Amino acid sequence: MSRVGGIGRLDPVADRYRSGYTYDANGNIQTVIRHDADGHPYDAITGASL
């Protein structure tokens, strides 16, 4: 059985397609980290790159 999305989803790959963002006090994106289908980080953008 598998469910798609949401809290409690049953997926053997913990970080599949996960994205993480940090913001400054004004709401501007400071860092971005994205993961692929296997849960491995494939993209990381920080500060001046944005």
Protein backbone atom coordinates (compact mmCIF):
# COMPACT_ATOMS: atom_id res chain seq x y z
CA MET A 1 0.00 0.00 0.00
CA SER A 2 1.29 3.48 -0.78
CA ARG A 3 -0.15 6.93 -0.37
CA VAL A 4 0.98 10.02 -2.24
CA GLY A 5 1.94 13.22 -0.42
CA GLY A 6 1.14 14.55 3.00
CA ILE A 7 2.22 13.65 6.49
CA GLY A 8 2.54 9.95 7.12
CA ARG A 9 3.06 8.93 3.52
CA LEU A 10 4.51 5.48 3.10
CA ASP A 11 7.59 5.81 0.91
CA PRO A 12 10.76 3.71 1.22
CA VAL A 13 12.89 6.69 0.09
CA ALA A 14 12.71 9.24 2.90
CA ASP A 15 13.82 12.36 0.99
CA ARG A 16 12.34 11.62 -2.45
CA TYR A 17 11.88 14.95 -4.28
CA ARG A 18 12.22 16.89 -1.01
CA SER A 19 12.97 20.61 -1.24
CA GLY A 20 14.26 22.82 1.54
CA TYR A 21 14.38 26.60 1.69
CA THR A 22 15.65 29.19 4.15
CA TYR A 23 14.51 32.81 4.16
CA ASP A 24 15.82 36.08 5.54
CA ALA A 25 13.75 38.46 7.70
CA ASN A 26 12.27 40.10 4.57
CA GLY A 27 11.08 36.80 3.07
CA ASN A 28 13.83 36.53 0.46
CA ILE A 29 15.10 33.02 -0.26
CA GLN A 30 18.61 32.52 1.15
CA THR A 31 19.28 28.83 0.37
CA VAL A 32 17.66 26.07 -1.68
CA ILE A 33 18.36 22.34 -1.43
CA ARG A 34 16.52 19.87 -3.68
CA HIS A 35 16.61 16.05 -3.78
CA ASP A 36 16.10 13.62 -6.66
CA ALA A 37 13.97 10.46 -6.87
CA ASP A 38 16.58 8.50 -4.91
CA GLY A 39 16.67 11.06 -2.10
CA HIS A 40 20.12 12.40 -3.01
CA PRO A 41 20.72 16.17 -3.03
CA TYR A 42 21.24 17.30 -6.63
CA ASP A 43 20.93 21.04 -6.36
CA ALA A 44 22.06 23.52 -3.73
CA ILE A 45 21.86 27.26 -4.26
CA THR A 46 23.00 29.84 -1.71
CA GLY A 47 23.08 33.62 -1.29
CA ALA A 48 24.57 35.41 -4.32
CA SER A 49 23.49 32.59 -6.71
CA LEU A 50 19.86 33.56 -6.20
